[in-house]
Amino acid sequence: MATELLAVWIPGASGAAPFTLLQGQRTILVIVIAAFATVFAQATIYLFFVLPVQARWFLWIEILFAFMGYLGTRDLAGFVGLCVAVAVTNRTLASRRLDRALRELWLRVEQRRIRWKLDRMRRRRGMRLIKGKGKDPDGDGGERRREPWVH
């Protein structure tokens, strides 16, 4: 309601009907394309079935199409709504991707730290690690040596 009143008060911004750009399935399509462009940024999409474009550029292409729609309808509120939909979708999915990347980095660091501690313990105590039941860790044909083992 407030956005509609703001669109009416801005000179030249009010068209025949406010929010015409947000009606129908246009907003849902914009959100789906923005989500795909954020998650699969390196994918190649053929624009108009001819021009190969990386998916990450579709965020800007959507804003360009929304601007062209604004020029045709003079629906400022609809243009701002589509831009906000693209921005919110991008930020929401990009932050989740960043969280996942940080979590994977932390797990790799922990894995290296544990391997380092295990190697240090093996060198210090002269122990070997049995990798699993039924497996031959040494490759010596199943021959067992008399050494201290860590289970």
Protein backbone atom coordinates (compact mmCIF):
# COMPACT_ATOMS: atom_id res chain seq x y z
CA MET A 1 0.00 0.00 0.00
CA ALA A 2 2.75 2.45 0.93
CA THR A 3 4.74 1.57 -2.19
CA GLU A 4 1.66 2.16 -4.31
CA LEU A 5 1.13 5.59 -2.74
CA LEU A 6 4.81 6.40 -3.24
CA ALA A 7 4.55 5.42 -6.91
CA VAL A 8 1.55 7.74 -7.32
CA TRP A 9 3.36 10.69 -5.69
CA ILE A 10 6.50 10.44 -7.86
CA PRO A 11 5.97 12.56 -10.97
CA GLY A 12 5.75 10.49 -14.13
CA ALA A 13 5.97 7.21 -12.22
CA SER A 14 2.31 6.33 -12.13
CA GLY A 15 1.01 4.39 -15.10
CA ALA A 16 -2.38 3.00 -15.90
CA ALA A 17 -2.23 0.53 -13.02
CA PRO A 18 0.49 0.06 -10.40
CA PHE A 19 2.29 -3.28 -10.09
CA THR A 20 1.48 -4.40 -13.64
CA LEU A 21 5.00 -5.81 -13.94
CA LEU A 22 4.42 -8.00 -10.88
CA GLN A 23 1.18 -9.55 -12.08
CA GLY A 24 0.88 -13.08 -13.40
CA GLN A 25 3.77 -15.50 -13.33
CA ARG A 26 6.42 -12.93 -14.21
CA THR A 27 7.65 -12.56 -10.62
CA ILE A 28 7.87 -16.32 -10.05
CA LEU A 29 9.79 -16.75 -13.30
CA VAL A 30 12.20 -13.96 -12.32
CA ILE A 31 12.84 -15.62 -8.93
CA VAL A 32 13.40 -19.06 -10.48
CA ILE A 33 15.85 -17.68 -13.06
CA ALA A 34 17.68 -15.66 -10.39
CA ALA A 35 17.95 -18.76 -8.19
CA PHE A 36 19.35 -20.83 -11.06
CA ALA A 37 21.79 -18.05 -12.01
CA THR A 38 23.03 -17.86 -8.42
CA VAL A 39 23.39 -21.57 -7.74
CA PHE A 40 24.76 -22.58 -11.17
CA ALA A 41 26.70 -19.41 -12.04
CA GLN A 42 29.11 -21.18 -14.41
CA ALA A 43 26.44 -22.95 -16.48
CA THR A 44 25.95 -21.90 -20.09
CA ILE A 45 22.46 -20.90 -21.18
CA TYR A 46 21.48 -20.13 -24.76
CA LEU A 47 19.67 -16.79 -24.77
CA PHE A 48 16.96 -16.87 -27.43
CA PHE A 49 18.29 -20.36 -28.29
CA VAL A 50 21.26 -18.77 -30.09
CA LEU A 51 23.53 -16.67 -27.86
CA PRO A 52 25.58 -18.60 -25.27
CA VAL A 53 25.59 -16.69 -21.98
CA GLN A 54 26.89 -17.73 -18.57
CA ALA A 55 24.11 -18.04 -16.03
CA ARG A 56 25.59 -15.44 -13.68
CA TRP A 57 24.89 -12.72 -16.28
CA PHE A 58 21.18 -13.53 -16.18
CA LEU A 59 20.82 -11.52 -12.97
CA TRP A 60 21.73 -8.37 -14.90
CA ILE A 61 19.75 -9.45 -17.96
CA GLU A 62 16.65 -9.82 -15.78
CA ILE A 63 17.13 -6.33 -14.39
CA LEU A 64 17.56 -5.03 -17.95
CA PHE A 65 14.32 -6.72 -19.04
CA ALA A 66 12.55 -5.30 -15.97
CA PHE A 67 13.81 -1.84 -16.92
CA MET A 68 12.54 -2.27 -20.46
CA GLY A 69 9.19 -3.30 -18.97
CA TYR A 70 9.28 -0.18 -16.81
CA LEU A 71 9.87 1.98 -19.89
CA GLY A 72 6.83 0.42 -21.53
CA THR A 73 4.44 0.58 -18.58
CA ARG A 74 5.87 3.36 -16.35
CA ASP A 75 5.31 1.01 -13.41
CA LEU A 76 8.05 2.09 -11.00
CA ALA A 77 6.74 -0.04 -8.14
CA GLY A 78 6.75 -3.15 -10.35
CA PHE A 79 10.29 -2.40 -11.55
CA VAL A 80 11.52 -1.96 -7.98
CA GLY A 81 9.68 -5.14 -6.95
CA LEU A 82 11.38 -7.21 -9.65
CA CYS A 83 14.79 -5.76 -8.77
CA VAL A 84 14.24 -6.54 -5.09
CA ALA A 85 13.13 -10.08 -5.96
CA VAL A 86 16.35 -10.64 -7.92
CA ALA A 87 18.53 -9.12 -5.17
CA VAL A 88 16.89 -11.00 -2.29
CA THR A 89 17.06 -14.33 -4.14
CA ASN A 90 20.71 -13.77 -5.03
CA ARG A 91 21.76 -12.72 -1.52
CA THR A 92 19.84 -15.53 0.17
CA LEU A 93 21.29 -18.29 -1.97
CA ALA A 94 24.78 -16.80 -2.14
CA SER A 95 25.02 -16.59 1.65
CA ARG A 96 24.03 -20.27 1.95
CA ARG A 97 26.68 -21.18 -0.60
CA LEU A 98 29.25 -19.21 1.40
CA ASP A 99 28.22 -20.98 4.61
CA ARG A 100 28.61 -24.35 2.90
CA ALA A 101 32.05 -23.40 1.53
CA LEU A 102 33.23 -22.24 4.96
CA ARG A 103 31.96 -25.46 6.53
CA GLU A 104 33.82 -27.58 3.95
CA LEU A 105 37.00 -25.57 4.55
CA TRP A 106 36.70 -26.09 8.31
CA LEU A 107 36.19 -29.85 7.83
CA ARG A 108 39.29 -30.05 5.61
CA VAL A 109 41.35 -28.23 8.24
CA GLU A 110 40.08 -30.57 10.95
CA GLN A 111 40.86 -33.61 8.80
CA ARG A 112 44.44 -32.43 8.25
CA ARG A 113 44.89 -31.68 11.94
CA ILE A 114 43.69 -35.15 12.95
CA ARG A 115 45.92 -36.82 10.34
CA TRP A 116 48.88 -34.79 11.56
CA LYS A 117 48.23 -35.83 15.17
CA LEU A 118 47.84 -39.47 14.15
CA ASP A 119 51.07 -39.44 12.13
CA ARG A 120 52.88 -37.78 15.02
CA MET A 121 51.59 -40.42 17.44
CA ARG A 122 52.64 -43.24 15.09
CA ARG A 123 56.17 -41.85 14.70
CA ARG A 124 56.56 -41.22 18.41
CA ARG A 125 55.39 -44.65 19.58
CA GLY A 126 56.41 -46.76 16.60
CA MET A 127 52.85 -47.97 16.06
CA ARG A 128 50.99 -48.86 12.92
CA LEU A 129 47.30 -48.45 12.19
CA ILE A 130 45.08 -51.34 11.12
CA LYS A 131 42.90 -49.91 8.37
CA GLY A 132 40.00 -52.31 8.63
CA LYS A 133 38.80 -55.83 9.14
CA GLY A 134 39.56 -58.21 6.32
CA LYS A 135 41.85 -55.77 4.54
CA ASP A 136 45.57 -56.22 4.08
CA PRO A 137 47.05 -52.88 5.23
CA ASP A 138 50.66 -53.75 4.39
CA GLY A 139 50.24 -55.66 1.16
CA ASP A 140 52.37 -58.51 2.50
CA GLY A 141 49.84 -61.25 1.73
CA GLY A 142 48.26 -61.44 5.16
CA GLU A 143 51.48 -62.12 7.06
CA ARG A 144 51.27 -60.67 10.58
CA ARG A 145 54.31 -59.19 12.28
CA ARG A 146 54.84 -58.92 16.02
CA GLU A 147 54.62 -55.16 16.53
CA PRO A 148 52.54 -52.86 18.70
CA TRP A 149 49.25 -52.10 16.97
CA VAL A 150 46.72 -49.34 17.30
CA HIS A 151 43.14 -50.51 16.84
